[in-house]
Every structure is written in structure tokens, then in C-alpha cells.
């Protein structure tokens, strides 16, 4: 038998044993060990909490399996962005499912506005108009009357903090301290 055929048969025998334990080992690792192309290690899922005080009060925990669904791992999301479908180097803050949920988050960076783990100032948080919808009210995180920032860690976790964000029916004035304040914090698995 030619040497390449022998090596192939040995690899097949070894991989049969690998596939037998595939339930215990992520498929991407089995494929890599068997010489196949590595598959996605995901799915990447964000587990988040939003807490808001001020004009309204709400605290909600949610799971977001959709924002980074085309990213293979949390570290890839942290390095290159979590929303490749909206453009390269883009970060979109995790959001609760939209069905029967009064909270909608539309915060993130523009395409090529995300440069890996770190701190991002208010001026960068413009994707989706930098808006946070709670019930019937929309709050503008890009308002000059508000403060907001985002932090993303190397493991894909992070947070957005915001203070004195005016709603669409507010009329801020110098020294205004109304609106909402709060935090959106998330961890990443996958």
C-alpha cells in the first residue's frame, strides 16, 4: 500500500475514535484534530443586564444569541467586532429579543469604527443613532447633554454606562440633570 494511503487510513481510524466522543468535545476541535477544516466554535451568545434609573426605572437580564451569530468566538468578536454583517470592525451592543420586550438597544460603532478591546467614548456610539428605547420613549445617547462610554474586554465582555440621557420629549437646558442614567453590562460565551 502506498505511504499516503497508510497515513490516510491511520488518520481515519484515529478520527473514528475522535468522532465517537464528539458529544464531549466541541466539533471544531474534533475537525481540527482530524485534519478537517475547523468549524465555528460558537455560537457566540451574550448574557446581559440593563439597569436604568431616572425618568424611568427598569432592570432586566437577557440573552442575545443574534448579535454575533456570524462570529466564531468571543475573542474573535472582541478583536474584530461582533457584527461582521454590518461591516468590518463593527461592535453592536447586545440587545434583548424584540418580541414582547419594552427595551430596545441601538448602540454601537460604525463600520471600521471598532478597533479591538478598549474604551470607546460617547462620540463613537452612533450605530442605530445611539438610541435606547424603553417603552414608548426613545433616549439619545449621542446628545451633548448626556455622557456615555463603552468598554469591551478581550474576552468579549463589556459595558456601556450613560448618564442624563434625554428622551425624545425632553427639553434639556444648561445644567439639566434629567433623563435616564444606567448601565448595560454583558458577558460572552462561545
C-alpha atoms as a PDB file:
ATOM      1  CA  UNK A   1       0.000   0.000   0.000  1.00  0.00           C
ATOM      2  CA  UNK A   2       1.406   3.466  -0.848  1.00  0.00           C
ATOM      3  CA  UNK A   3       2.522   5.513   2.215  1.00  0.00           C
ATOM      4  CA  UNK A   4      -0.108   8.222   1.668  1.00  0.00           C
ATOM      5  CA  UNK A   5      -2.876   5.613   1.764  1.00  0.00           C
ATOM      6  CA  UNK A   6      -1.490   4.172   5.024  1.00  0.00           C
ATOM      7  CA  UNK A   7      -1.382   7.632   6.629  1.00  0.00           C
ATOM      8  CA  UNK A   8      -4.931   8.304   5.450  1.00  0.00           C
ATOM      9  CA  UNK A   9      -6.178   5.019   6.938  1.00  0.00           C
ATOM     10  CA  UNK A  10      -4.397   5.735  10.232  1.00  0.00           C
ATOM     11  CA  UNK A  11      -5.961   9.201  10.323  1.00  0.00           C
ATOM     12  CA  UNK A  12      -9.398   7.708   9.566  1.00  0.00           C
ATOM     13  CA  UNK A  13      -9.031   5.165  12.389  1.00  0.00           C
ATOM     14  CA  UNK A  14      -7.890   7.870  14.800  1.00  0.00           C
ATOM     15  CA  UNK A  15     -10.727  10.158  13.728  1.00  0.00           C
ATOM     16  CA  UNK A  16     -13.317   7.433  14.203  1.00  0.00           C
ATOM     17  CA  UNK A  17     -12.320   7.400  17.858  1.00  0.00           C
ATOM     18  CA  UNK A  18     -12.498  11.195  17.949  1.00  0.00           C
ATOM     19  CA  UNK A  19     -15.960  11.257  16.432  1.00  0.00           C
ATOM     20  CA  UNK A  20     -17.137   8.689  18.972  1.00  0.00           C
ATOM     21  CA  UNK A  21     -16.520  11.222  21.735  1.00  0.00           C
ATOM     22  CA  UNK A  22     -17.755  14.227  19.757  1.00  0.00           C
ATOM     23  CA  UNK A  23     -20.574  14.688  22.246  1.00  0.00           C
ATOM     24  CA  UNK A  24     -17.995  15.545  24.902  1.00  0.00           C
ATOM     25  CA  UNK A  25     -15.723  17.701  22.745  1.00  0.00           C
ATOM     26  CA  UNK A  26     -16.671  20.749  20.652  1.00  0.00           C
ATOM     27  CA  UNK A  27     -16.960  19.755  16.999  1.00  0.00           C
ATOM     28  CA  UNK A  28     -14.458  22.423  15.891  1.00  0.00           C
ATOM     29  CA  UNK A  29     -11.733  20.772  17.948  1.00  0.00           C
ATOM     30  CA  UNK A  30     -12.504  17.321  16.523  1.00  0.00           C
ATOM     31  CA  UNK A  31     -12.426  18.611  12.950  1.00  0.00           C
ATOM     32  CA  UNK A  32      -9.084  20.351  13.558  1.00  0.00           C
ATOM     33  CA  UNK A  33      -7.550  17.258  15.151  1.00  0.00           C
ATOM     34  CA  UNK A  34      -8.697  15.122  12.222  1.00  0.00           C
ATOM     35  CA  UNK A  35      -7.256  17.375   9.566  1.00  0.00           C
ATOM     36  CA  UNK A  36     -10.588  18.831   8.503  1.00  0.00           C
ATOM     37  CA  UNK A  37     -11.268  22.487   8.300  1.00  0.00           C
ATOM     38  CA  UNK A  38     -12.052  23.978  11.702  1.00  0.00           C
ATOM     39  CA  UNK A  39     -15.692  24.817  12.130  1.00  0.00           C
ATOM     40  CA  UNK A  40     -17.143  27.653  14.160  1.00  0.00           C
ATOM     41  CA  UNK A  41     -16.617  27.247  17.868  1.00  0.00           C
ATOM     42  CA  UNK A  42     -19.698  29.329  18.570  1.00  0.00           C
ATOM     43  CA  UNK A  43     -22.395  30.079  18.723  1.00  0.00           C
ATOM     44  CA  UNK A  44     -21.405  33.323  20.387  1.00  0.00           C
ATOM     45  CA  UNK A  45     -24.043  34.348  22.919  1.00  0.00           C
ATOM     46  CA  UNK A  46     -24.162  37.471  25.066  1.00  0.00           C
ATOM     47  CA  UNK A  47     -25.670  37.344  28.570  1.00  0.00           C
ATOM     48  CA  UNK A  48     -26.545  40.867  29.635  1.00  0.00           C
ATOM     49  CA  UNK A  49     -28.221  43.067  32.185  1.00  0.00           C
ATOM     50  CA  UNK A  50     -29.575  46.559  31.678  1.00  0.00           C
ATOM     51  CA  UNK A  51     -30.312  48.787  34.655  1.00  0.00           C
ATOM     52  CA  UNK A  52     -31.906  52.216  34.175  1.00  0.00           C
ATOM     53  CA  UNK A  53     -32.810  54.927  36.698  1.00  0.00           C
ATOM     54  CA  UNK A  54     -34.138  58.456  36.337  1.00  0.00           C
ATOM     55  CA  UNK A  55     -37.337  59.253  34.457  1.00  0.00           C
ATOM     56  CA  UNK A  56     -37.975  55.532  34.300  1.00  0.00           C
ATOM     57  CA  UNK A  57     -36.694  52.597  36.319  1.00  0.00           C
ATOM     58  CA  UNK A  58     -36.061  49.181  34.864  1.00  0.00           C
ATOM     59  CA  UNK A  59     -33.707  46.271  35.388  1.00  0.00           C
ATOM     60  CA  UNK A  60     -33.695  43.350  33.022  1.00  0.00           C
ATOM     61  CA  UNK A  61     -31.454  40.384  32.297  1.00  0.00           C
ATOM     62  CA  UNK A  62     -31.484  38.891  28.826  1.00  0.00           C
ATOM     63  CA  UNK A  63     -29.655  36.577  26.465  1.00  0.00           C
ATOM     64  CA  UNK A  64     -28.708  37.740  22.964  1.00  0.00           C
ATOM     65  CA  UNK A  65     -27.831  34.893  20.569  1.00  0.00           C
ATOM     66  CA  UNK A  66     -28.296  37.004  17.420  1.00  0.00           C
ATOM     67  CA  UNK A  67     -25.939  39.991  17.527  1.00  0.00           C
ATOM     68  CA  UNK A  68     -22.752  37.940  16.988  1.00  0.00           C
ATOM     69  CA  UNK A  69     -24.261  34.931  15.238  1.00  0.00           C
ATOM     70  CA  UNK A  70     -21.737  35.119  12.370  1.00  0.00           C
ATOM     71  CA  UNK A  71     -18.684  35.298  14.650  1.00  0.00           C
ATOM     72  CA  UNK A  72     -16.863  32.106  15.645  1.00  0.00           C
ATOM     73  CA  UNK A  73     -15.726  33.023  19.186  1.00  0.00           C
ATOM     74  CA  UNK A  74     -15.876  35.682  21.877  1.00  0.00           C
ATOM     75  CA  UNK A  75     -12.192  36.504  21.405  1.00  0.00           C
ATOM     76  CA  UNK A  76     -12.761  36.965  17.648  1.00  0.00           C
ATOM     77  CA  UNK A  77     -15.676  39.275  18.420  1.00  0.00           C
ATOM     78  CA  UNK A  78     -13.509  41.257  20.848  1.00  0.00           C
ATOM     79  CA  UNK A  79     -10.675  41.516  18.325  1.00  0.00           C
ATOM     80  CA  UNK A  80     -12.569  42.209  15.092  1.00  0.00           C
ATOM     81  CA  UNK A  81     -16.095  43.199  16.156  1.00  0.00           C
ATOM     82  CA  UNK A  82     -19.280  41.272  16.808  1.00  0.00           C
ATOM     83  CA  UNK A  83     -21.320  42.235  13.766  1.00  0.00           C
ATOM     84  CA  UNK A  84     -19.443  41.364  10.584  1.00  0.00           C
ATOM     85  CA  UNK A  85     -22.720  41.563   8.644  1.00  0.00           C
ATOM     86  CA  UNK A  86     -22.872  45.346   9.143  1.00  0.00           C
ATOM     87  CA  UNK A  87     -19.300  45.969   8.058  1.00  0.00           C
ATOM     88  CA  UNK A  88     -15.790  45.181   9.144  1.00  0.00           C
ATOM     89  CA  UNK A  89     -14.626  46.198  12.611  1.00  0.00           C
ATOM     90  CA  UNK A  90     -18.094  46.962  13.965  1.00  0.00           C
ATOM     91  CA  UNK A  91     -19.366  46.477  17.520  1.00  0.00           C
ATOM     92  CA  UNK A  92     -23.079  46.380  18.289  1.00  0.00           C
ATOM     93  CA  UNK A  93     -24.131  46.370  21.942  1.00  0.00           C
ATOM     94  CA  UNK A  94     -26.185  43.263  22.824  1.00  0.00           C
ATOM     95  CA  UNK A  95     -29.937  43.832  22.823  1.00  0.00           C
ATOM     96  CA  UNK A  96     -32.893  41.931  24.265  1.00  0.00           C
ATOM     97  CA  UNK A  97     -35.135  39.936  21.932  1.00  0.00           C
ATOM     98  CA  UNK A  98     -37.648  42.312  20.368  1.00  0.00           C
ATOM     99  CA  UNK A  99     -40.758  40.163  20.860  1.00  0.00           C
ATOM    100  CA  UNK A 100     -42.822  41.414  23.815  1.00  0.00           C
ATOM    101  CA  UNK A 101     -39.921  43.432  25.200  1.00  0.00           C
ATOM    102  CA  UNK A 102     -40.179  47.140  26.064  1.00  0.00           C
ATOM    103  CA  UNK A 103     -36.377  47.685  25.858  1.00  0.00           C
ATOM    104  CA  UNK A 104     -34.569  48.141  22.541  1.00  0.00           C
ATOM    105  CA  UNK A 105     -30.867  48.945  22.324  1.00  0.00           C
ATOM    106  CA  UNK A 106     -29.444  50.549  19.172  1.00  0.00           C
ATOM    107  CA  UNK A 107     -25.942  51.416  20.277  1.00  0.00           C
ATOM    108  CA  UNK A 108     -22.613  50.558  18.678  1.00  0.00           C
ATOM    109  CA  UNK A 109     -19.851  51.699  16.372  1.00  0.00           C
ATOM    110  CA  UNK A 110     -19.940  52.440  12.690  1.00  0.00           C
ATOM    111  CA  UNK A 111     -18.204  50.107  10.227  1.00  0.00           C
ATOM    112  CA  UNK A 112     -14.426  50.338  10.781  1.00  0.00           C
ATOM    113  CA  UNK A 113     -15.066  52.298  13.993  1.00  0.00           C
ATOM    114  CA  UNK A 114     -14.202  49.396  16.294  1.00  0.00           C
ATOM    115  CA  UNK A 115     -10.510  48.748  16.957  1.00  0.00           C
ATOM    116  CA  UNK A 116     -10.492  45.853  19.404  1.00  0.00           C
ATOM    117  CA  UNK A 117     -10.762  45.691  23.187  1.00  0.00           C
ATOM    118  CA  UNK A 118     -10.661  49.003  24.999  1.00  0.00           C
ATOM    119  CA  UNK A 119     -12.598  52.107  25.964  1.00  0.00           C
ATOM    120  CA  UNK A 120     -14.820  53.919  23.461  1.00  0.00           C
ATOM    121  CA  UNK A 121     -16.084  57.470  24.062  1.00  0.00           C
ATOM    122  CA  UNK A 122     -19.594  58.766  23.516  1.00  0.00           C
ATOM    123  CA  UNK A 123     -18.722  60.116  20.056  1.00  0.00           C
ATOM    124  CA  UNK A 124     -18.165  56.549  18.771  1.00  0.00           C
ATOM    125  CA  UNK A 125     -21.511  55.130  19.967  1.00  0.00           C
ATOM    126  CA  UNK A 126     -23.557  56.096  16.942  1.00  0.00           C
ATOM    127  CA  UNK A 127     -24.735  52.866  15.282  1.00  0.00           C
ATOM    128  CA  UNK A 128     -28.514  52.807  15.203  1.00  0.00           C
ATOM    129  CA  UNK A 129     -28.438  56.524  16.049  1.00  0.00           C
ATOM    130  CA  UNK A 130     -27.074  55.805  19.535  1.00  0.00           C
ATOM    131  CA  UNK A 131     -30.604  55.201  20.764  1.00  0.00           C
ATOM    132  CA  UNK A 132     -32.088  53.320  23.664  1.00  0.00           C
ATOM    133  CA  UNK A 133     -35.819  52.688  23.513  1.00  0.00           C
ATOM    134  CA  UNK A 134     -37.713  51.977  26.721  1.00  0.00           C
ATOM    135  CA  UNK A 135     -41.449  51.600  26.336  1.00  0.00           C
ATOM    136  CA  UNK A 136     -42.783  54.411  24.172  1.00  0.00           C
ATOM    137  CA  UNK A 137     -39.795  56.708  24.824  1.00  0.00           C
ATOM    138  CA  UNK A 138     -36.527  56.863  22.882  1.00  0.00           C
ATOM    139  CA  UNK A 139     -33.378  58.184  24.584  1.00  0.00           C
ATOM    140  CA  UNK A 140     -30.479  59.665  22.587  1.00  0.00           C
ATOM    141  CA  UNK A 141     -27.072  58.624  23.945  1.00  0.00           C
ATOM    142  CA  UNK A 142     -25.330  60.899  21.444  1.00  0.00           C
ATOM    143  CA  UNK A 143     -26.932  64.046  22.912  1.00  0.00           C
ATOM    144  CA  UNK A 144     -24.482  66.705  24.086  1.00  0.00           C
ATOM    145  CA  UNK A 145     -26.488  66.838  27.332  1.00  0.00           C
ATOM    146  CA  UNK A 146     -25.609  63.206  28.115  1.00  0.00           C
ATOM    147  CA  UNK A 147     -22.451  61.281  28.887  1.00  0.00           C
ATOM    148  CA  UNK A 148     -21.874  57.767  27.627  1.00  0.00           C
ATOM    149  CA  UNK A 149     -18.989  55.381  27.076  1.00  0.00           C
ATOM    150  CA  UNK A 150     -18.371  51.746  26.199  1.00  0.00           C
ATOM    151  CA  UNK A 151     -15.731  49.264  27.324  1.00  0.00           C
ATOM    152  CA  UNK A 152     -15.049  45.934  25.593  1.00  0.00           C
ATOM    153  CA  UNK A 153     -12.678  43.386  27.144  1.00  0.00           C
ATOM    154  CA  UNK A 154     -10.529  40.791  25.336  1.00  0.00           C
ATOM    155  CA  UNK A 155     -12.991  38.025  26.278  1.00  0.00           C
ATOM    156  CA  UNK A 156     -15.920  39.829  24.590  1.00  0.00           C
ATOM    157  CA  UNK A 157     -17.472  41.068  27.830  1.00  0.00           C
ATOM    158  CA  UNK A 158     -18.038  44.745  28.432  1.00  0.00           C
ATOM    159  CA  UNK A 159     -20.402  47.516  29.381  1.00  0.00           C
ATOM    160  CA  UNK A 160     -21.946  50.803  28.373  1.00  0.00           C
ATOM    161  CA  UNK A 161     -22.540  53.438  31.027  1.00  0.00           C
ATOM    162  CA  UNK A 162     -24.660  56.526  30.469  1.00  0.00           C
ATOM    163  CA  UNK A 163     -25.910  59.492  32.488  1.00  0.00           C
ATOM    164  CA  UNK A 164     -28.530  62.207  31.956  1.00  0.00           C
ATOM    165  CA  UNK A 165     -29.653  60.918  28.569  1.00  0.00           C
ATOM    166  CA  UNK A 166     -32.629  62.963  27.348  1.00  0.00           C
ATOM    167  CA  UNK A 167     -35.748  61.355  25.961  1.00  0.00           C
ATOM    168  CA  UNK A 168     -37.337  62.448  22.724  1.00  0.00           C
ATOM    169  CA  UNK A 169     -39.887  64.564  24.606  1.00  0.00           C
ATOM    170  CA  UNK A 170     -37.343  66.201  26.977  1.00  0.00           C
ATOM    171  CA  UNK A 171     -36.140  69.766  26.520  1.00  0.00           C
ATOM    172  CA  UNK A 172     -32.669  69.897  28.122  1.00  0.00           C
ATOM    173  CA  UNK A 173     -31.111  73.212  29.154  1.00  0.00           C
ATOM    174  CA  UNK A 174     -27.645  74.097  30.520  1.00  0.00           C
ATOM    175  CA  UNK A 175     -27.133  72.263  33.826  1.00  0.00           C
ATOM    176  CA  UNK A 176     -30.016  69.880  33.112  1.00  0.00           C
ATOM    177  CA  UNK A 177     -29.854  66.625  35.104  1.00  0.00           C
ATOM    178  CA  UNK A 178     -32.950  64.764  33.920  1.00  0.00           C
ATOM    179  CA  UNK A 179     -33.388  61.882  31.555  1.00  0.00           C
ATOM    180  CA  UNK A 180     -32.081  58.434  32.350  1.00  0.00           C
ATOM    181  CA  UNK A 181     -28.827  57.012  33.654  1.00  0.00           C
ATOM    182  CA  UNK A 182     -27.682  53.431  33.795  1.00  0.00           C
ATOM    183  CA  UNK A 183     -25.538  50.554  32.659  1.00  0.00           C
ATOM    184  CA  UNK A 184     -25.711  47.791  30.097  1.00  0.00           C
ATOM    185  CA  UNK A 185     -23.259  45.033  31.092  1.00  0.00           C
ATOM    186  CA  UNK A 186     -22.599  41.746  29.282  1.00  0.00           C
ATOM    187  CA  UNK A 187     -20.521  38.607  29.296  1.00  0.00           C
ATOM    188  CA  UNK A 188     -19.809  36.446  26.276  1.00  0.00           C
ATOM    189  CA  UNK A 189     -19.853  32.684  25.797  1.00  0.00           C
ATOM    190  CA  UNK A 190     -18.902  30.726  22.724  1.00  0.00           C
END
